[in-house]
């Protein structure tokens, strides 16, 4: 398991709503944006903001 290899805080992918910062997906498996969008029926479950397939902000951080 990846978390045991890299420590308990290792999360390869985290997708957050731009409107309310609700975590839409967080996990060790990389998921395509369209799959996450379908999972939430195209809107944020917290604030109902329409979700987009185009990422607004992407951060890539090295594993330490």
PDB file of N, CA and C in Angstrom:
ATOM      1  N   UNK A   1       0.837  -1.178   0.000  1.00  0.00           N
ATOM      2  CA  UNK A   1       0.000   0.000   0.000  1.00  0.00           C
ATOM      3  C   UNK A   1       0.884   1.244   0.000  1.00  0.00           C
ATOM      4  N   UNK A   2       0.495   2.247  -0.792  1.00  0.00           N
ATOM      5  CA  UNK A   2       1.305   3.450  -0.926  1.00  0.00           C
ATOM      6  C   UNK A   2       1.458   4.216   0.374  1.00  0.00           C
ATOM      7  N   UNK A   3       0.378   4.305   1.170  1.00  0.00           N
ATOM      8  CA  UNK A   3       0.479   5.079   2.401  1.00  0.00           C
ATOM      9  C   UNK A   3       1.512   4.481   3.358  1.00  0.00           C
ATOM     10  N   UNK A   4       1.657   3.160   3.360  1.00  0.00           N
ATOM     11  CA  UNK A   4       2.658   2.565   4.243  1.00  0.00           C
ATOM     12  C   UNK A   4       4.065   2.776   3.705  1.00  0.00           C
ATOM     13  N   UNK A   5       4.207   2.958   2.393  1.00  0.00           N
ATOM     14  CA  UNK A   5       5.523   3.206   1.813  1.00  0.00           C
ATOM     15  C   UNK A   5       5.994   4.636   2.027  1.00  0.00           C
ATOM     16  N   UNK A   6       5.058   5.589   1.961  1.00  0.00           N
ATOM     17  CA  UNK A   6       5.434   7.000   1.992  1.00  0.00           C
ATOM     18  C   UNK A   6       4.966   7.734   3.240  1.00  0.00           C
ATOM     19  N   UNK A   7       4.444   7.059   4.213  1.00  0.00           N
ATOM     20  CA  UNK A   7       3.932   7.707   5.416  1.00  0.00           C
ATOM     21  C   UNK A   7       2.426   7.872   5.334  1.00  0.00           C
ATOM     22  N   UNK A   8       1.805   8.087   6.434  1.00  0.00           N
ATOM     23  CA  UNK A   8       0.343   8.119   6.485  1.00  0.00           C
ATOM     24  C   UNK A   8      -0.257   9.353   5.829  1.00  0.00           C
ATOM     25  N   UNK A   9       0.524  10.416   5.569  1.00  0.00           N
ATOM     26  CA  UNK A   9      -0.012  11.633   4.981  1.00  0.00           C
ATOM     27  C   UNK A   9       0.029  11.667   3.464  1.00  0.00           C
ATOM     28  N   UNK A  10       0.468  10.603   2.827  1.00  0.00           N
ATOM     29  CA  UNK A  10       0.629  10.565   1.370  1.00  0.00           C
ATOM     30  C   UNK A  10      -0.716  10.428   0.671  1.00  0.00           C
ATOM     31  N   UNK A  11      -1.086  11.427  -0.140  1.00  0.00           N
ATOM     32  CA  UNK A  11      -2.307  11.381  -0.939  1.00  0.00           C
ATOM     33  C   UNK A  11      -1.943  11.871  -2.343  1.00  0.00           C
ATOM     34  N   UNK A  12      -1.913  10.960  -3.331  1.00  0.00           N
ATOM     35  CA  UNK A  12      -1.513  11.368  -4.674  1.00  0.00           C
ATOM     36  C   UNK A  12      -2.488  12.331  -5.346  1.00  0.00           C
ATOM     37  N   UNK A  13      -3.769  12.258  -5.012  1.00  0.00           N
ATOM     38  CA  UNK A  13      -4.738  13.126  -5.684  1.00  0.00           C
ATOM     39  C   UNK A  13      -5.766  13.656  -4.695  1.00  0.00           C
ATOM     40  N   UNK A  14      -5.985  14.959  -4.785  1.00  0.00           N
ATOM     41  CA  UNK A  14      -7.025  15.619  -3.981  1.00  0.00           C
ATOM     42  C   UNK A  14      -7.718  16.616  -4.904  1.00  0.00           C
ATOM     43  N   UNK A  15      -9.034  16.487  -5.031  1.00  0.00           N
ATOM     44  CA  UNK A  15      -9.826  17.380  -5.877  1.00  0.00           C
ATOM     45  C   UNK A  15     -10.751  18.174  -4.966  1.00  0.00           C
ATOM     46  N   UNK A  16     -10.668  19.514  -5.078  1.00  0.00           N
ATOM     47  CA  UNK A  16     -11.383  20.407  -4.169  1.00  0.00           C
ATOM     48  C   UNK A  16     -12.276  21.356  -4.961  1.00  0.00           C
ATOM     49  N   UNK A  17     -13.481  21.601  -4.456  1.00  0.00           N
ATOM     50  CA  UNK A  17     -14.397  22.565  -5.064  1.00  0.00           C
ATOM     51  C   UNK A  17     -13.791  23.963  -4.971  1.00  0.00           C
ATOM     52  N   UNK A  18     -13.791  24.685  -6.080  1.00  0.00           N
ATOM     53  CA  UNK A  18     -13.247  26.039  -6.089  1.00  0.00           C
ATOM     54  C   UNK A  18     -14.127  26.993  -5.274  1.00  0.00           C
ATOM     55  N   UNK A  19     -15.422  26.716  -5.231  1.00  0.00           N
ATOM     56  CA  UNK A  19     -16.348  27.600  -4.532  1.00  0.00           C
ATOM     57  C   UNK A  19     -16.260  27.543  -3.025  1.00  0.00           C
ATOM     58  N   UNK A  20     -16.338  26.328  -2.455  1.00  0.00           N
ATOM     59  CA  UNK A  20     -16.417  26.199  -0.991  1.00  0.00           C
ATOM     60  C   UNK A  20     -15.256  25.414  -0.376  1.00  0.00           C
ATOM     61  N   UNK A  21     -14.349  24.929  -1.204  1.00  0.00           N
ATOM     62  CA  UNK A  21     -13.165  24.161  -0.750  1.00  0.00           C
ATOM     63  C   UNK A  21     -13.511  22.779  -0.209  1.00  0.00           C
ATOM     64  N   UNK A  22     -14.719  22.283  -0.506  1.00  0.00           N
ATOM     65  CA  UNK A  22     -15.113  20.929  -0.112  1.00  0.00           C
ATOM     66  C   UNK A  22     -14.254  19.914  -0.873  1.00  0.00           C
ATOM     67  N   UNK A  23     -13.784  18.880  -0.206  1.00  0.00           N
ATOM     68  CA  UNK A  23     -12.968  17.847  -0.848  1.00  0.00           C
ATOM     69  C   UNK A  23     -13.904  16.908  -1.613  1.00  0.00           C
ATOM     70  N   UNK A  24     -13.802  16.937  -2.944  1.00  0.00           N
ATOM     71  CA  UNK A  24     -14.638  16.112  -3.812  1.00  0.00           C
ATOM     72  C   UNK A  24     -14.066  14.709  -3.956  1.00  0.00           C
ATOM     73  N   UNK A  25     -12.754  14.617  -3.958  1.00  0.00           N
ATOM     74  CA  UNK A  25     -12.092  13.310  -4.019  1.00  0.00           C
ATOM     75  C   UNK A  25     -10.720  13.436  -3.392  1.00  0.00           C
ATOM     76  N   UNK A  26     -10.358  12.411  -2.621  1.00  0.00           N
ATOM     77  CA  UNK A  26      -9.023  12.333  -2.033  1.00  0.00           C
ATOM     78  C   UNK A  26      -8.696  10.853  -1.901  1.00  0.00           C
ATOM     79  N   UNK A  27      -7.602  10.433  -2.502  1.00  0.00           N
ATOM     80  CA  UNK A  27      -7.252   9.031  -2.387  1.00  0.00           C
ATOM     81  C   UNK A  27      -5.980   8.652  -3.101  1.00  0.00           C
ATOM     82  N   UNK A  28      -5.556   7.411  -2.902  1.00  0.00           N
ATOM     83  CA  UNK A  28      -4.307   6.925  -3.487  1.00  0.00           C
ATOM     84  C   UNK A  28      -4.422   6.624  -4.982  1.00  0.00           C
ATOM     85  N   UNK A  29      -5.636   6.425  -5.478  1.00  0.00           N
ATOM     86  CA  UNK A  29      -5.840   6.129  -6.899  1.00  0.00           C
ATOM     87  C   UNK A  29      -6.039   7.434  -7.668  1.00  0.00           C
ATOM     88  N   UNK A  30      -5.363   7.578  -8.814  1.00  0.00           N
ATOM     89  CA  UNK A  30      -5.588   8.737  -9.660  1.00  0.00           C
ATOM     90  C   UNK A  30      -6.860   8.519 -10.459  1.00  0.00           C
ATOM     91  N   UNK A  31      -7.787   9.480 -10.381  1.00  0.00           N
ATOM     92  CA  UNK A  31      -9.046   9.384 -11.102  1.00  0.00           C
ATOM     93  C   UNK A  31      -9.135  10.520 -12.116  1.00  0.00           C
ATOM     94  N   UNK A  32      -9.679  10.238 -13.293  1.00  0.00           N
ATOM     95  CA  UNK A  32      -9.856  11.309 -14.283  1.00  0.00           C
ATOM     96  C   UNK A  32     -10.944  12.283 -13.829  1.00  0.00           C
ATOM     97  N   UNK A  33     -10.819  13.561 -14.196  1.00  0.00           N
ATOM     98  CA  UNK A  33     -11.796  14.571 -13.768  1.00  0.00           C
ATOM     99  C   UNK A  33     -13.241  14.230 -14.154  1.00  0.00           C
ATOM    100  N   UNK A  34     -13.457  13.632 -15.328  1.00  0.00           N
ATOM    101  CA  UNK A  34     -14.828  13.323 -15.745  1.00  0.00           C
ATOM    102  C   UNK A  34     -15.472  12.269 -14.833  1.00  0.00           C
ATOM    103  N   UNK A  35     -14.675  11.358 -14.301  1.00  0.00           N
ATOM    104  CA  UNK A  35     -15.202  10.347 -13.378  1.00  0.00           C
ATOM    105  C   UNK A  35     -15.637  10.989 -12.054  1.00  0.00           C
ATOM    106  N   UNK A  36     -14.848  11.935 -11.559  1.00  0.00           N
ATOM    107  CA  UNK A  36     -15.183  12.643 -10.323  1.00  0.00           C
ATOM    108  C   UNK A  36     -16.423  13.506 -10.545  1.00  0.00           C
ATOM    109  N   UNK A  37     -16.511  14.154 -11.691  1.00  0.00           N
ATOM    110  CA  UNK A  37     -17.668  14.979 -12.041  1.00  0.00           C
ATOM    111  C   UNK A  37     -18.940  14.130 -12.080  1.00  0.00           C
ATOM    112  N   UNK A  38     -18.879  12.958 -12.704  1.00  0.00           N
ATOM    113  CA  UNK A  38     -20.032  12.054 -12.776  1.00  0.00           C
ATOM    114  C   UNK A  38     -20.437  11.557 -11.391  1.00  0.00           C
ATOM    115  N   UNK A  39     -19.457  11.281 -10.573  1.00  0.00           N
ATOM    116  CA  UNK A  39     -19.710  10.779  -9.224  1.00  0.00           C
ATOM    117  C   UNK A  39     -20.557  11.773  -8.412  1.00  0.00           C
ATOM    118  N   UNK A  40     -20.395  13.068  -8.701  1.00  0.00           N
ATOM    119  CA  UNK A  40     -21.113  14.113  -7.966  1.00  0.00           C
ATOM    120  C   UNK A  40     -22.220  14.744  -8.802  1.00  0.00           C
ATOM    121  N   UNK A  41     -22.581  14.089  -9.905  1.00  0.00           N
ATOM    122  CA  UNK A  41     -23.659  14.546 -10.794  1.00  0.00           C
ATOM    123  C   UNK A  41     -23.460  15.977 -11.280  1.00  0.00           C
ATOM    124  N   UNK A  42     -22.202  16.361 -11.495  1.00  0.00           N
ATOM    125  CA  UNK A  42     -21.882  17.651 -12.098  1.00  0.00           C
ATOM    126  C   UNK A  42     -21.937  18.860 -11.185  1.00  0.00           C
ATOM    127  N   UNK A  43     -22.180  18.640  -9.879  1.00  0.00           N
ATOM    128  CA  UNK A  43     -22.206  19.785  -8.968  1.00  0.00           C
ATOM    129  C   UNK A  43     -21.627  19.395  -7.610  1.00  0.00           C
ATOM    130  N   UNK A  44     -21.138  20.395  -6.909  1.00  0.00           N
ATOM    131  CA  UNK A  44     -20.566  20.173  -5.582  1.00  0.00           C
ATOM    132  C   UNK A  44     -21.684  19.796  -4.615  1.00  0.00           C
ATOM    133  N   UNK A  45     -21.513  18.714  -3.843  1.00  0.00           N
ATOM    134  CA  UNK A  45     -22.545  18.320  -2.889  1.00  0.00           C
ATOM    135  C   UNK A  45     -22.692  19.293  -1.713  1.00  0.00           C
ATOM    136  N   UNK A  46     -21.681  20.114  -1.495  1.00  0.00           N
ATOM    137  CA  UNK A  46     -21.696  21.063  -0.372  1.00  0.00           C
ATOM    138  C   UNK A  46     -22.376  22.386  -0.736  1.00  0.00           C
ATOM    139  N   UNK A  47     -21.955  22.997  -1.868  1.00  0.00           N
ATOM    140  CA  UNK A  47     -22.439  24.342  -2.207  1.00  0.00           C
ATOM    141  C   UNK A  47     -23.264  24.383  -3.498  1.00  0.00           C
ATOM    142  N   UNK A  48     -23.383  23.251  -4.187  1.00  0.00           N
ATOM    143  CA  UNK A  48     -24.153  23.112  -5.437  1.00  0.00           C
ATOM    144  C   UNK A  48     -23.551  23.861  -6.625  1.00  0.00           C
ATOM    145  N   UNK A  49     -22.300  24.308  -6.521  1.00  0.00           N
ATOM    146  CA  UNK A  49     -21.628  24.966  -7.640  1.00  0.00           C
ATOM    147  C   UNK A  49     -21.433  23.951  -8.764  1.00  0.00           C
ATOM    148  N   UNK A  50     -21.667  24.377 -10.010  1.00  0.00           N
ATOM    149  CA  UNK A  50     -21.465  23.510 -11.166  1.00  0.00           C
ATOM    150  C   UNK A  50     -19.976  23.204 -11.296  1.00  0.00           C
ATOM    151  N   UNK A  51     -19.649  21.928 -11.449  1.00  0.00           N
ATOM    152  CA  UNK A  51     -18.253  21.508 -11.572  1.00  0.00           C
ATOM    153  C   UNK A  51     -17.828  21.550 -13.033  1.00  0.00           C
ATOM    154  N   UNK A  52     -16.562  21.831 -13.266  1.00  0.00           N
ATOM    155  CA  UNK A  52     -16.014  21.942 -14.612  1.00  0.00           C
ATOM    156  C   UNK A  52     -14.922  20.895 -14.813  1.00  0.00           C
ATOM    157  N   UNK A  53     -14.775  20.444 -16.052  1.00  0.00           N
ATOM    158  CA  UNK A  53     -13.691  19.504 -16.366  1.00  0.00           C
ATOM    159  C   UNK A  53     -12.339  20.210 -16.489  1.00  0.00           C
ATOM    160  N   UNK A  54     -12.360  21.521 -16.603  1.00  0.00           N
ATOM    161  CA  UNK A  54     -11.119  22.284 -16.727  1.00  0.00           C
ATOM    162  C   UNK A  54     -10.611  22.667 -15.342  1.00  0.00           C
ATOM    163  N   UNK A  55      -9.415  22.230 -14.983  1.00  0.00           N
ATOM    164  CA  UNK A  55      -8.885  22.580 -13.662  1.00  0.00           C
ATOM    165  C   UNK A  55      -8.536  24.063 -13.585  1.00  0.00           C
ATOM    166  N   UNK A  56      -8.851  24.690 -12.474  1.00  0.00           N
ATOM    167  CA  UNK A  56      -8.553  26.104 -12.258  1.00  0.00           C
ATOM    168  C   UNK A  56      -7.162  26.265 -11.652  1.00  0.00           C
ATOM    169  N   UNK A  57      -6.831  25.416 -10.713  1.00  0.00           N
ATOM    170  CA  UNK A  57      -5.561  25.511 -10.006  1.00  0.00           C
ATOM    171  C   UNK A  57      -5.019  24.101  -9.790  1.00  0.00           C
ATOM    172  N   UNK A  58      -3.798  23.861 -10.217  1.00  0.00           N
ATOM    173  CA  UNK A  58      -3.176  22.545 -10.070  1.00  0.00           C
ATOM    174  C   UNK A  58      -1.872  22.716  -9.302  1.00  0.00           C
ATOM    175  N   UNK A  59      -1.696  21.913  -8.261  1.00  0.00           N
ATOM    176  CA  UNK A  59      -0.452  21.917  -7.497  1.00  0.00           C
ATOM    177  C   UNK A  59       0.177  20.546  -7.594  1.00  0.00           C
ATOM    178  N   UNK A  60       1.466  20.516  -7.853  1.00  0.00           N
ATOM    179  CA  UNK A  60       2.225  19.265  -7.873  1.00  0.00           C
ATOM    180  C   UNK A  60       3.338  19.413  -6.834  1.00  0.00           C
ATOM    181  N   UNK A  61       3.344  18.496  -5.871  1.00  0.00           N
ATOM    182  CA  UNK A  61       4.323  18.581  -4.796  1.00  0.00           C
ATOM    183  C   UNK A  61       5.166  17.307  -4.789  1.00  0.00           C
ATOM    184  N   UNK A  62       6.462  17.442  -4.557  1.00  0.00           N
ATOM    185  CA  UNK A  62       7.333  16.257  -4.500  1.00  0.00           C
ATOM    186  C   UNK A  62       7.105  15.461  -3.214  1.00  0.00           C
ATOM    187  N   UNK A  63       7.374  14.179  -3.288  1.00  0.00           N
ATOM    188  CA  UNK A  63       7.320  13.311  -2.114  1.00  0.00           C
ATOM    189  C   UNK A  63       8.642  13.505  -1.366  1.00  0.00           C
ATOM    190  N   UNK A  64       8.549  13.708  -0.081  1.00  0.00           N
ATOM    191  CA  UNK A  64       9.775  13.922   0.722  1.00  0.00           C
ATOM    192  C   UNK A  64      10.043  12.736   1.577  1.00  0.00           C
TER     193      UNK A  64
END
